[in-house]
Amino acid sequence: MQRREFIRKAGLATGALATLGPALADARPREQRLTILHTNDMHSRIEPFPSDGRRWEGLGGMARRLTLIERIRSQEEHVLLLDAGDIWQGTPYFNFFNGELEFTLMSRMRYDAATLGNHDFDIGLEGLAAQLPNASFPFLTANYDFSDTILKGKFPPYKVFQKGGIRVGVFGLGIQLKGLVADALFAQTRYLDPVAVAREMVQELRSQGCHLIICLSHLGLEYESTKISDMRLASQVEGIDLIIGGHTHSFLEEPRRVVNPAGQEVLINQVGWSGVYLGRLDYRFDGRGRTTDISWQTMPIDRSLQLS
């Protein structure tokens, strides 16, 4: 009788496990995806380059870029749209509207964050302050100290984005303004060592449980001198996964790869200037938030995206 009772109870338990099987399978952590889209050095290029024989003829245009971004958003659940600075300066649109149009159109595209380039100071701190209400996205900058200026408290150093089960930490770094921008235009803005600041940012973002850390950089890709660049930053700072760069107008067909002091690979990407390309990186993560695969594309903004 005891054996028969044991078999009966065991059968009930087996049936219960069979019933719970699909639910347990569904509860297992699943692969997660994240698409990162990025631009840099747009330089007030609102319309496409004219078809006049120049190198970039017919490429670019903010309306076309919006078309492509919305197409990608309709296909991918989790998308981050980022810019690495020098949004302003380069066409009459900036001269006439002082940056209002650029910020308004980027807000229409729903940028998630940007950082400041040297040309974003071209109408001074007062001009930048006047246009900030037109930007629905934050400007992240960790190594410009605005404490003694009218822009105190306007620019957070970083932001954490929750994309499904993935936490993405993004921080910004800018180039030394002195020598590039008239002193009066950046006033009492203090420049902080980008390497030391980057280390602080990584520590902070890791403490907040970020699975991926992105640096939005306007330092420039690389130089022959010892001037700090994205390549040098990547080789000196542990913990950055991806640097989205600007300033040097570098067209990279694929990201540069740099090994950091911990022996880990850092990707650096940049897509030229004037919005003629949109950078795209697709990350895959396992159920624990560990990167399992990365792919990339440099996507031309061309006539195929013409609005009907």
C-alpha atoms as a PDB file:
ATOM      1  CA  MET A   1       0.000   0.000   0.000  1.00  0.00           C
ATOM      2  CA  GLN A   2       2.824   2.374   0.812  1.00  0.00           C
ATOM      3  CA  ARG A   3       4.464   1.653  -2.565  1.00  0.00           C
ATOM      4  CA  ARG A   4       1.174   2.219  -4.411  1.00  0.00           C
ATOM      5  CA  GLU A   5       0.660   5.566  -2.611  1.00  0.00           C
ATOM      6  CA  PHE A   6       4.205   6.635  -3.465  1.00  0.00           C
ATOM      7  CA  ILE A   7       3.686   5.851  -7.160  1.00  0.00           C
ATOM      8  CA  ARG A   8       0.384   7.775  -7.160  1.00  0.00           C
ATOM      9  CA  LYS A   9       1.971  10.872  -5.626  1.00  0.00           C
ATOM     10  CA  ALA A  10       4.960  10.643  -7.937  1.00  0.00           C
ATOM     11  CA  GLY A  11       2.615  10.522 -10.916  1.00  0.00           C
ATOM     12  CA  LEU A  12       0.833  13.643  -9.729  1.00  0.00           C
ATOM     13  CA  ALA A  13       4.138  15.452  -9.309  1.00  0.00           C
ATOM     14  CA  THR A  14       5.290  14.433 -12.799  1.00  0.00           C
ATOM     15  CA  GLY A  15       2.021  15.679 -14.285  1.00  0.00           C
ATOM     16  CA  ALA A  16       2.402  18.981 -12.491  1.00  0.00           C
ATOM     17  CA  LEU A  17       5.931  19.402 -13.825  1.00  0.00           C
ATOM     18  CA  ALA A  18       4.753  18.622 -17.325  1.00  0.00           C
ATOM     19  CA  THR A  19       2.058  21.271 -16.991  1.00  0.00           C
ATOM     20  CA  LEU A  20       4.542  23.824 -15.653  1.00  0.00           C
ATOM     21  CA  GLY A  21       7.135  22.981 -18.315  1.00  0.00           C
ATOM     22  CA  PRO A  22       6.081  25.594 -20.901  1.00  0.00           C
ATOM     23  CA  ALA A  23       5.705  28.235 -18.184  1.00  0.00           C
ATOM     24  CA  LEU A  24       9.187  27.491 -16.841  1.00  0.00           C
ATOM     25  CA  ALA A  25      10.599  27.668 -20.347  1.00  0.00           C
ATOM     26  CA  ASP A  26       8.918  31.047 -20.870  1.00  0.00           C
ATOM     27  CA  ALA A  27      10.421  32.268 -17.600  1.00  0.00           C
ATOM     28  CA  ARG A  28      13.955  31.577 -18.736  1.00  0.00           C
ATOM     29  CA  PRO A  29      15.914  34.706 -19.720  1.00  0.00           C
ATOM     30  CA  ARG A  30      15.746  35.240 -23.452  1.00  0.00           C
ATOM     31  CA  GLU A  31      18.045  36.899 -25.956  1.00  0.00           C
ATOM     32  CA  GLN A  32      17.608  40.666 -26.110  1.00  0.00           C
ATOM     33  CA  ARG A  33      18.397  43.119 -28.893  1.00  0.00           C
ATOM     34  CA  LEU A  34      19.362  46.777 -29.037  1.00  0.00           C
ATOM     35  CA  THR A  35      19.846  48.973 -32.099  1.00  0.00           C
ATOM     36  CA  ILE A  36      22.032  52.068 -31.762  1.00  0.00           C
ATOM     37  CA  LEU A  37      21.717  54.757 -34.440  1.00  0.00           C
ATOM     38  CA  HIS A  38      24.122  57.669 -34.519  1.00  0.00           C
ATOM     39  CA  THR A  39      25.262  60.829 -36.295  1.00  0.00           C
ATOM     40  CA  ASN A  40      28.045  63.364 -35.826  1.00  0.00           C
ATOM     41  CA  ASP A  41      29.175  66.723 -37.236  1.00  0.00           C
ATOM     42  CA  MET A  42      25.877  67.538 -38.931  1.00  0.00           C
ATOM     43  CA  HIS A  43      26.956  71.173 -39.381  1.00  0.00           C
ATOM     44  CA  SER A  44      23.476  72.559 -40.034  1.00  0.00           C
ATOM     45  CA  ARG A  45      23.011  70.488 -43.188  1.00  0.00           C
ATOM     46  CA  ILE A  46      19.207  70.531 -43.350  1.00  0.00           C
ATOM     47  CA  GLU A  47      18.767  69.718 -47.042  1.00  0.00           C
ATOM     48  CA  PRO A  48      20.605  67.191 -49.224  1.00  0.00           C
ATOM     49  CA  PHE A  49      23.753  68.284 -51.013  1.00  0.00           C
ATOM     50  CA  PRO A  50      22.814  69.601 -54.476  1.00  0.00           C
ATOM     51  CA  SER A  51      23.451  67.493 -57.562  1.00  0.00           C
ATOM     52  CA  ASP A  52      26.342  69.596 -58.806  1.00  0.00           C
ATOM     53  CA  GLY A  53      29.150  67.098 -59.217  1.00  0.00           C
ATOM     54  CA  ARG A  54      30.685  67.430 -55.764  1.00  0.00           C
ATOM     55  CA  ARG A  55      31.718  64.343 -53.813  1.00  0.00           C
ATOM     56  CA  TRP A  56      28.571  64.124 -51.692  1.00  0.00           C
ATOM     57  CA  GLU A  57      26.050  65.237 -54.310  1.00  0.00           C
ATOM     58  CA  GLY A  58      22.495  64.164 -53.616  1.00  0.00           C
ATOM     59  CA  LEU A  59      23.301  62.762 -50.158  1.00  0.00           C
ATOM     60  CA  GLY A  60      21.974  63.828 -46.778  1.00  0.00           C
ATOM     61  CA  GLY A  61      18.890  65.740 -45.711  1.00  0.00           C
ATOM     62  CA  MET A  62      17.084  65.663 -42.378  1.00  0.00           C
ATOM     63  CA  ALA A  63      13.696  64.695 -43.839  1.00  0.00           C
ATOM     64  CA  ARG A  64      15.249  61.646 -45.473  1.00  0.00           C
ATOM     65  CA  ARG A  65      17.041  60.744 -42.238  1.00  0.00           C
ATOM     66  CA  LEU A  66      13.734  60.865 -40.385  1.00  0.00           C
ATOM     67  CA  THR A  67      12.248  58.472 -42.957  1.00  0.00           C
ATOM     68  CA  LEU A  68      15.054  55.959 -42.373  1.00  0.00           C
ATOM     69  CA  ILE A  69      14.947  56.295 -38.578  1.00  0.00           C
ATOM     70  CA  GLU A  70      11.201  55.722 -38.470  1.00  0.00           C
ATOM     71  CA  ARG A  71      11.555  52.717 -40.747  1.00  0.00           C
ATOM     72  CA  ILE A  72      14.108  51.172 -38.392  1.00  0.00           C
ATOM     73  CA  ARG A  73      11.963  51.945 -35.347  1.00  0.00           C
ATOM     74  CA  SER A  74       9.052  50.119 -36.973  1.00  0.00           C
ATOM     75  CA  GLN A  75      11.274  47.038 -37.306  1.00  0.00           C
ATOM     76  CA  GLU A  76      13.172  47.083 -34.012  1.00  0.00           C
ATOM     77  CA  GLU A  77      11.690  47.235 -30.525  1.00  0.00           C
ATOM     78  CA  HIS A  78      14.613  48.887 -28.743  1.00  0.00           C
ATOM     79  CA  VAL A  79      16.399  51.775 -30.464  1.00  0.00           C
ATOM     80  CA  LEU A  80      18.753  54.492 -29.188  1.00  0.00           C
ATOM     81  CA  LEU A  81      19.421  57.557 -31.378  1.00  0.00           C
ATOM     82  CA  LEU A  82      22.548  59.535 -30.455  1.00  0.00           C
ATOM     83  CA  ASP A  83      24.655  62.422 -31.794  1.00  0.00           C
ATOM     84  CA  ALA A  84      28.318  63.250 -31.118  1.00  0.00           C
ATOM     85  CA  GLY A  85      28.286  67.027 -31.530  1.00  0.00           C
ATOM     86  CA  ASP A  86      28.933  69.903 -33.958  1.00  0.00           C
ATOM     87  CA  ILE A  87      25.262  70.113 -34.771  1.00  0.00           C
ATOM     88  CA  TRP A  88      25.663  73.781 -35.700  1.00  0.00           C
ATOM     89  CA  GLN A  89      27.541  75.880 -38.253  1.00  0.00           C
ATOM     90  CA  GLY A  90      28.014  75.300 -41.950  1.00  0.00           C
ATOM     91  CA  THR A  91      24.951  76.489 -43.873  1.00  0.00           C
ATOM     92  CA  PRO A  92      22.829  79.672 -44.010  1.00  0.00           C
ATOM     93  CA  TYR A  93      20.168  77.940 -41.918  1.00  0.00           C
ATOM     94  CA  PHE A  94      22.409  78.411 -38.897  1.00  0.00           C
ATOM     95  CA  ASN A  95      23.199  82.023 -39.766  1.00  0.00           C
ATOM     96  CA  PHE A  96      19.516  82.895 -40.103  1.00  0.00           C
ATOM     97  CA  PHE A  97      17.985  80.841 -37.271  1.00  0.00           C
ATOM     98  CA  ASN A  98      20.874  80.485 -34.770  1.00  0.00           C
ATOM     99  CA  GLY A  99      20.432  76.737 -34.333  1.00  0.00           C
ATOM    100  CA  GLU A 100      16.691  76.690 -33.658  1.00  0.00           C
ATOM    101  CA  LEU A 101      15.895  74.659 -36.770  1.00  0.00           C
ATOM    102  CA  GLU A 102      18.543  72.008 -36.099  1.00  0.00           C
ATOM    103  CA  PHE A 103      17.364  71.381 -32.524  1.00  0.00           C
ATOM    104  CA  THR A 104      13.700  71.406 -33.561  1.00  0.00           C
ATOM    105  CA  LEU A 105      14.228  68.846 -36.318  1.00  0.00           C
ATOM    106  CA  MET A 106      16.350  66.600 -34.095  1.00  0.00           C
ATOM    107  CA  SER A 107      13.545  66.704 -31.541  1.00  0.00           C
ATOM    108  CA  ARG A 108      11.133  65.693 -34.296  1.00  0.00           C
ATOM    109  CA  MET A 109      13.428  62.722 -34.996  1.00  0.00           C
ATOM    110  CA  ARG A 110      13.315  61.885 -31.259  1.00  0.00           C
ATOM    111  CA  TYR A 111      17.017  61.875 -30.533  1.00  0.00           C
ATOM    112  CA  ASP A 112      17.687  60.285 -27.158  1.00  0.00           C
ATOM    113  CA  ALA A 113      20.858  62.242 -26.362  1.00  0.00           C
ATOM    114  CA  ALA A 114      23.694  64.287 -27.851  1.00  0.00           C
ATOM    115  CA  THR A 115      26.959  65.806 -26.700  1.00  0.00           C
ATOM    116  CA  LEU A 116      28.436  69.240 -27.413  1.00  0.00           C
ATOM    117  CA  GLY A 117      30.974  69.931 -30.138  1.00  0.00           C
ATOM    118  CA  ASN A 118      33.162  73.009 -30.382  1.00  0.00           C
ATOM    119  CA  HIS A 119      30.917  74.600 -33.030  1.00  0.00           C
ATOM    120  CA  ASP A 120      27.953  74.326 -30.688  1.00  0.00           C
ATOM    121  CA  PHE A 121      29.544  77.271 -28.838  1.00  0.00           C
ATOM    122  CA  ASP A 122      29.679  79.493 -31.935  1.00  0.00           C
ATOM    123  CA  ILE A 123      27.017  81.920 -30.680  1.00  0.00           C
ATOM    124  CA  GLY A 124      28.277  81.855 -27.121  1.00  0.00           C
ATOM    125  CA  LEU A 125      26.767  80.516 -23.928  1.00  0.00           C
ATOM    126  CA  GLU A 126      23.852  82.940 -24.150  1.00  0.00           C
ATOM    127  CA  GLY A 127      22.991  81.737 -27.648  1.00  0.00           C
ATOM    128  CA  LEU A 128      23.230  78.098 -26.625  1.00  0.00           C
ATOM    129  CA  ALA A 129      21.051  78.747 -23.575  1.00  0.00           C
ATOM    130  CA  ALA A 130      18.446  80.475 -25.743  1.00  0.00           C
ATOM    131  CA  GLN A 131      18.119  77.448 -28.046  1.00  0.00           C
ATOM    132  CA  LEU A 132      18.079  74.673 -25.437  1.00  0.00           C
ATOM    133  CA  PRO A 133      14.262  74.814 -25.030  1.00  0.00           C
ATOM    134  CA  ASN A 134      14.008  73.676 -28.668  1.00  0.00           C
ATOM    135  CA  ALA A 135      15.816  70.415 -27.844  1.00  0.00           C
ATOM    136  CA  SER A 136      13.627  67.701 -26.319  1.00  0.00           C
ATOM    137  CA  PHE A 137      16.727  65.568 -25.663  1.00  0.00           C
ATOM    138  CA  PRO A 138      19.566  66.053 -23.162  1.00  0.00           C
ATOM    139  CA  PHE A 139      23.085  67.179 -24.007  1.00  0.00           C
ATOM    140  CA  LEU A 140      25.443  64.980 -22.011  1.00  0.00           C
ATOM    141  CA  THR A 141      28.831  66.412 -21.123  1.00  0.00           C
ATOM    142  CA  ALA A 142      31.010  65.203 -18.261  1.00  0.00           C
ATOM    143  CA  ASN A 143      34.233  67.149 -18.801  1.00  0.00           C
ATOM    144  CA  TYR A 144      32.925  70.693 -19.307  1.00  0.00           C
ATOM    145  CA  ASP A 145      32.349  72.377 -15.954  1.00  0.00           C
ATOM    146  CA  PHE A 146      29.741  75.124 -16.339  1.00  0.00           C
ATOM    147  CA  SER A 147      29.530  75.911 -12.606  1.00  0.00           C
ATOM    148  CA  ASP A 148      30.601  79.531 -13.043  1.00  0.00           C
ATOM    149  CA  THR A 149      28.468  80.228 -16.114  1.00  0.00           C
ATOM    150  CA  ILE A 150      24.822  80.850 -17.012  1.00  0.00           C
ATOM    151  CA  LEU A 151      24.602  77.183 -18.081  1.00  0.00           C
ATOM    152  CA  LYS A 152      25.209  75.784 -14.618  1.00  0.00           C
ATOM    153  CA  GLY A 153      23.077  72.683 -14.089  1.00  0.00           C
ATOM    154  CA  LYS A 154      21.885  72.526 -17.720  1.00  0.00           C
ATOM    155  CA  PHE A 155      23.960  69.568 -18.882  1.00  0.00           C
ATOM    156  CA  PRO A 156      23.981  66.206 -17.059  1.00  0.00           C
ATOM    157  CA  PRO A 157      27.211  64.208 -17.371  1.00  0.00           C
ATOM    158  CA  TYR A 158      25.416  60.958 -18.216  1.00  0.00           C
ATOM    159  CA  LYS A 159      22.072  59.268 -18.610  1.00  0.00           C
ATOM    160  CA  VAL A 160      20.962  55.662 -18.093  1.00  0.00           C
ATOM    161  CA  PHE A 161      18.474  54.235 -20.589  1.00  0.00           C
ATOM    162  CA  GLN A 162      16.391  51.153 -19.833  1.00  0.00           C
ATOM    163  CA  LYS A 163      15.793  49.202 -23.039  1.00  0.00           C
ATOM    164  CA  GLY A 164      13.868  46.068 -22.172  1.00  0.00           C
ATOM    165  CA  GLY A 165      16.067  44.182 -19.728  1.00  0.00           C
ATOM    166  CA  ILE A 166      19.203  46.071 -20.780  1.00  0.00           C
ATOM    167  CA  ARG A 167      20.546  49.129 -18.957  1.00  0.00           C
ATOM    168  CA  VAL A 168      22.613  51.403 -21.193  1.00  0.00           C
ATOM    169  CA  GLY A 169      24.783  54.112 -19.682  1.00  0.00           C
ATOM    170  CA  VAL A 170      25.736  57.016 -21.956  1.00  0.00           C
ATOM    171  CA  PHE A 171      28.117  59.836 -21.048  1.00  0.00           C
ATOM    172  CA  GLY A 172      29.603  62.711 -23.056  1.00  0.00           C
ATOM    173  CA  LEU A 173      33.100  64.099 -23.538  1.00  0.00           C
ATOM    174  CA  GLY A 174      34.105  67.290 -25.341  1.00  0.00           C
ATOM    175  CA  ILE A 175      37.300  68.598 -26.878  1.00  0.00           C
ATOM    176  CA  GLN A 176      39.504  71.350 -25.420  1.00  0.00           C
ATOM    177  CA  LEU A 177      37.770  74.581 -26.465  1.00  0.00           C
ATOM    178  CA  LYS A 178      40.677  76.967 -26.002  1.00  0.00           C
ATOM    179  CA  GLY A 179      42.294  77.533 -29.378  1.00  0.00           C
ATOM    180  CA  LEU A 180      39.239  76.250 -31.258  1.00  0.00           C
ATOM    181  CA  VAL A 181      36.644  78.686 -29.907  1.00  0.00           C
ATOM    182  CA  ALA A 182      37.065  82.354 -29.012  1.00  0.00           C
ATOM    183  CA  ASP A 183      37.511  82.696 -25.240  1.00  0.00           C
ATOM    184  CA  ALA A 184      34.522  85.020 -24.941  1.00  0.00           C
ATOM    185  CA  LEU A 185      32.200  82.390 -26.412  1.00  0.00           C
ATOM    186  CA  PHE A 186      32.835  79.723 -23.767  1.00  0.00           C
ATOM    187  CA  ALA A 187      33.548  82.250 -20.995  1.00  0.00           C
ATOM    188  CA  GLN A 188      34.268  80.585 -17.623  1.00  0.00           C
ATOM    189  CA  THR A 189      33.630  77.028 -18.830  1.00  0.00           C
ATOM    190  CA  ARG A 190      36.330  74.798 -17.336  1.00  0.00           C
ATOM    191  CA  TYR A 191      37.808  71.898 -19.275  1.00  0.00           C
ATOM    192  CA  LEU A 192      38.393  68.697 -17.285  1.00  0.00           C
ATOM    193  CA  ASP A 193      40.771  65.866 -18.163  1.00  0.00           C
ATOM    194  CA  PRO A 194      38.701  63.498 -20.326  1.00  0.00           C
ATOM    195  CA  VAL A 195      40.621  60.365 -19.299  1.00  0.00           C
ATOM    196  CA  ALA A 196      40.132  60.946 -15.565  1.00  0.00           C
ATOM    197  CA  VAL A 197      36.495  61.906 -16.096  1.00  0.00           C
ATOM    198  CA  ALA A 198      35.842  58.849 -18.268  1.00  0.00           C
ATOM    199  CA  ARG A 199      37.146  56.578 -15.508  1.00  0.00           C
ATOM    200  CA  GLU A 200      34.781  58.222 -13.035  1.00  0.00           C
ATOM    201  CA  MET A 201      31.858  57.835 -15.423  1.00  0.00           C
ATOM    202  CA  VAL A 202      32.541  54.144 -16.006  1.00  0.00           C
ATOM    203  CA  GLN A 203      32.708  53.485 -12.280  1.00  0.00           C
ATOM    204  CA  GLU A 204      29.455  55.344 -11.688  1.00  0.00           C
ATOM    205  CA  LEU A 205      27.576  53.657 -14.521  1.00  0.00           C
ATOM    206  CA  ARG A 206      28.792  50.175 -13.579  1.00  0.00           C
ATOM    207  CA  SER A 207      27.618  50.832 -10.011  1.00  0.00           C
ATOM    208  CA  GLN A 208      24.179  51.536 -11.468  1.00  0.00           C
ATOM    209  CA  GLY A 209      24.068  48.124 -13.102  1.00  0.00           C
ATOM    210  CA  CYS A 210      24.649  49.166 -16.719  1.00  0.00           C
ATOM    211  CA  HIS A 211      25.230  46.295 -19.134  1.00  0.00           C
ATOM    212  CA  LEU A 212      26.567  48.560 -21.901  1.00  0.00           C
ATOM    213  CA  ILE A 213      28.526  51.814 -21.535  1.00  0.00           C
ATOM    214  CA  ILE A 214      28.704  54.272 -24.428  1.00  0.00           C
ATOM    215  CA  CYS A 215      30.869  57.375 -24.639  1.00  0.00           C
ATOM    216  CA  LEU A 216      29.564  60.151 -26.885  1.00  0.00           C
ATOM    217  CA  SER A 217      32.823  61.845 -27.794  1.00  0.00           C
ATOM    218  CA  HIS A 218      33.788  64.986 -29.658  1.00  0.00           C
ATOM    219  CA  LEU A 219      37.503  64.416 -29.026  1.00  0.00           C
ATOM    220  CA  GLY A 220      38.325  63.272 -32.569  1.00  0.00           C
ATOM    221  CA  LEU A 221      39.303  59.841 -33.833  1.00  0.00           C
ATOM    222  CA  GLU A 222      43.122  60.063 -33.720  1.00  0.00           C
ATOM    223  CA  TYR A 223      46.045  62.461 -34.108  1.00  0.00           C
ATOM    224  CA  GLU A 224      49.748  62.183 -34.888  1.00  0.00           C
ATOM    225  CA  SER A 225      50.456  64.117 -31.685  1.00  0.00           C
ATOM    226  CA  THR A 226      49.816  62.936 -28.131  1.00  0.00           C
ATOM    227  CA  LYS A 227      46.568  64.914 -28.037  1.00  0.00           C
ATOM    228  CA  ILE A 228      43.807  62.863 -26.434  1.00  0.00           C
ATOM    229  CA  SER A 229      41.584  61.180 -29.016  1.00  0.00           C
ATOM    230  CA  ASP A 230      39.033  58.399 -29.141  1.00  0.00           C
ATOM    231  CA  MET A 231      41.756  55.879 -29.930  1.00  0.00           C
ATOM    232  CA  ARG A 232      43.870  56.991 -26.963  1.00  0.00           C
ATOM    233  CA  LEU A 233      40.865  57.161 -24.668  1.00  0.00           C
ATOM    234  CA  ALA A 234      39.858  53.600 -25.541  1.00  0.00           C
ATOM    235  CA  SER A 235      43.371  52.316 -24.896  1.00  0.00           C
ATOM    236  CA  GLN A 236      43.665  54.036 -21.502  1.00  0.00           C
ATOM    237  CA  VAL A 237      40.247  53.572 -19.872  1.00  0.00           C
ATOM    238  CA  GLU A 238      38.711  50.274 -18.790  1.00  0.00           C
ATOM    239  CA  GLY A 239      34.998  49.659 -19.030  1.00  0.00           C
ATOM    240  CA  ILE A 240      33.872  51.627 -22.098  1.00  0.00           C
ATOM    241  CA  ASP A 241      32.168  49.320 -24.582  1.00  0.00           C
ATOM    242  CA  LEU A 242      31.505  51.740 -27.442  1.00  0.00           C
ATOM    243  CA  ILE A 243      32.736  55.211 -28.395  1.00  0.00           C
ATOM    244  CA  ILE A 244      30.579  57.142 -30.832  1.00  0.00           C
ATOM    245  CA  GLY A 245      32.867  59.876 -32.068  1.00  0.00           C
ATOM    246  CA  GLY A 246      32.962  63.162 -33.927  1.00  0.00           C
ATOM    247  CA  HIS A 247      35.083  66.226 -34.709  1.00  0.00           C
ATOM    248  CA  THR A 248      37.503  64.699 -37.245  1.00  0.00           C
ATOM    249  CA  HIS A 249      34.775  63.984 -39.845  1.00  0.00           C
ATOM    250  CA  SER A 250      36.084  60.423 -40.189  1.00  0.00           C
ATOM    251  CA  PHE A 251      34.187  58.084 -42.514  1.00  0.00           C
ATOM    252  CA  LEU A 252      34.578  54.592 -41.082  1.00  0.00           C
ATOM    253  CA  GLU A 253      33.243  51.701 -43.113  1.00  0.00           C
ATOM    254  CA  GLU A 254      33.417  49.620 -39.958  1.00  0.00           C
ATOM    255  CA  PRO A 255      34.218  50.427 -36.329  1.00  0.00           C
ATOM    256  CA  ARG A 256      37.807  50.655 -35.155  1.00  0.00           C
ATOM    257  CA  ARG A 257      38.755  48.078 -32.527  1.00  0.00           C
ATOM    258  CA  VAL A 258      41.021  48.973 -29.612  1.00  0.00           C
ATOM    259  CA  VAL A 259      42.082  46.784 -26.699  1.00  0.00           C
ATOM    260  CA  ASN A 260      41.777  48.511 -23.326  1.00  0.00           C
ATOM    261  CA  PRO A 261      44.074  47.973 -20.291  1.00  0.00           C
ATOM    262  CA  ALA A 262      41.906  45.059 -19.133  1.00  0.00           C
ATOM    263  CA  GLY A 263      42.391  43.260 -22.451  1.00  0.00           C
ATOM    264  CA  GLN A 264      38.812  43.937 -23.540  1.00  0.00           C
ATOM    265  CA  GLU A 265      37.830  45.210 -26.972  1.00  0.00           C
ATOM    266  CA  VAL A 266      36.389  48.700 -27.401  1.00  0.00           C
ATOM    267  CA  LEU A 267      34.553  49.693 -30.589  1.00  0.00           C
ATOM    268  CA  ILE A 268      34.878  53.222 -32.002  1.00  0.00           C
ATOM    269  CA  ASN A 269      32.573  54.441 -34.757  1.00  0.00           C
ATOM    270  CA  GLN A 270      32.125  57.696 -36.661  1.00  0.00           C
ATOM    271  CA  VAL A 271      30.136  58.452 -39.827  1.00  0.00           C
ATOM    272  CA  GLY A 272      31.743  61.466 -41.467  1.00  0.00           C
ATOM    273  CA  TRP A 273      29.847  64.743 -41.499  1.00  0.00           C
ATOM    274  CA  SER A 274      26.778  66.658 -42.720  1.00  0.00           C
ATOM    275  CA  GLY A 275      24.417  63.758 -42.089  1.00  0.00           C
ATOM    276  CA  VAL A 276      25.233  61.944 -45.331  1.00  0.00           C
ATOM    277  CA  TYR A 277      25.278  58.642 -43.440  1.00  0.00           C
ATOM    278  CA  LEU A 278      23.487  57.155 -40.459  1.00  0.00           C
ATOM    279  CA  GLY A 279      25.552  54.801 -38.308  1.00  0.00           C
ATOM    280  CA  ARG A 280      23.900  51.641 -37.043  1.00  0.00           C
ATOM    281  CA  LEU A 281      25.096  49.033 -34.558  1.00  0.00           C
ATOM    282  CA  ASP A 282      22.964  46.048 -33.547  1.00  0.00           C
ATOM    283  CA  TYR A 283      23.773  44.422 -30.215  1.00  0.00           C
ATOM    284  CA  ARG A 284      22.535  41.062 -28.997  1.00  0.00           C
ATOM    285  CA  PHE A 285      22.588  40.126 -25.327  1.00  0.00           C
ATOM    286  CA  ASP A 286      21.934  36.888 -23.495  1.00  0.00           C
ATOM    287  CA  GLY A 287      19.400  36.662 -20.706  1.00  0.00           C
ATOM    288  CA  ARG A 288      21.939  37.984 -18.202  1.00  0.00           C
ATOM    289  CA  GLY A 289      22.733  41.089 -20.216  1.00  0.00           C
ATOM    290  CA  ARG A 290      26.039  39.859 -21.614  1.00  0.00           C
ATOM    291  CA  THR A 291      26.877  40.876 -25.194  1.00  0.00           C
ATOM    292  CA  THR A 292      26.806  37.874 -27.515  1.00  0.00           C
ATOM    293  CA  ASP A 293      26.987  39.508 -30.943  1.00  0.00           C
ATOM    294  CA  ILE A 294      27.502  42.920 -32.591  1.00  0.00           C
ATOM    295  CA  SER A 295      26.862  43.858 -36.204  1.00  0.00           C
ATOM    296  CA  TRP A 296      27.026  47.234 -37.939  1.00  0.00           C
ATOM    297  CA  GLN A 297      26.052  49.184 -41.034  1.00  0.00           C
ATOM    298  CA  THR A 298      26.887  52.586 -42.464  1.00  0.00           C
ATOM    299  CA  MET A 299      23.606  53.617 -44.068  1.00  0.00           C
ATOM    300  CA  PRO A 300      23.582  56.282 -46.805  1.00  0.00           C
ATOM    301  CA  ILE A 301      20.965  59.014 -46.655  1.00  0.00           C
ATOM    302  CA  ASP A 302      20.172  59.059 -50.353  1.00  0.00           C
ATOM    303  CA  ARG A 303      17.384  59.521 -52.886  1.00  0.00           C
ATOM    304  CA  SER A 304      15.875  56.123 -52.071  1.00  0.00           C
ATOM    305  CA  LEU A 305      14.563  57.786 -48.890  1.00  0.00           C
ATOM    306  CA  GLN A 306      12.855  60.621 -50.777  1.00  0.00           C
ATOM    307  CA  LEU A 307       9.472  61.524 -49.333  1.00  0.00           C
ATOM    308  CA  SER A 308       6.571  60.790 -51.682  1.00  0.00           C
END
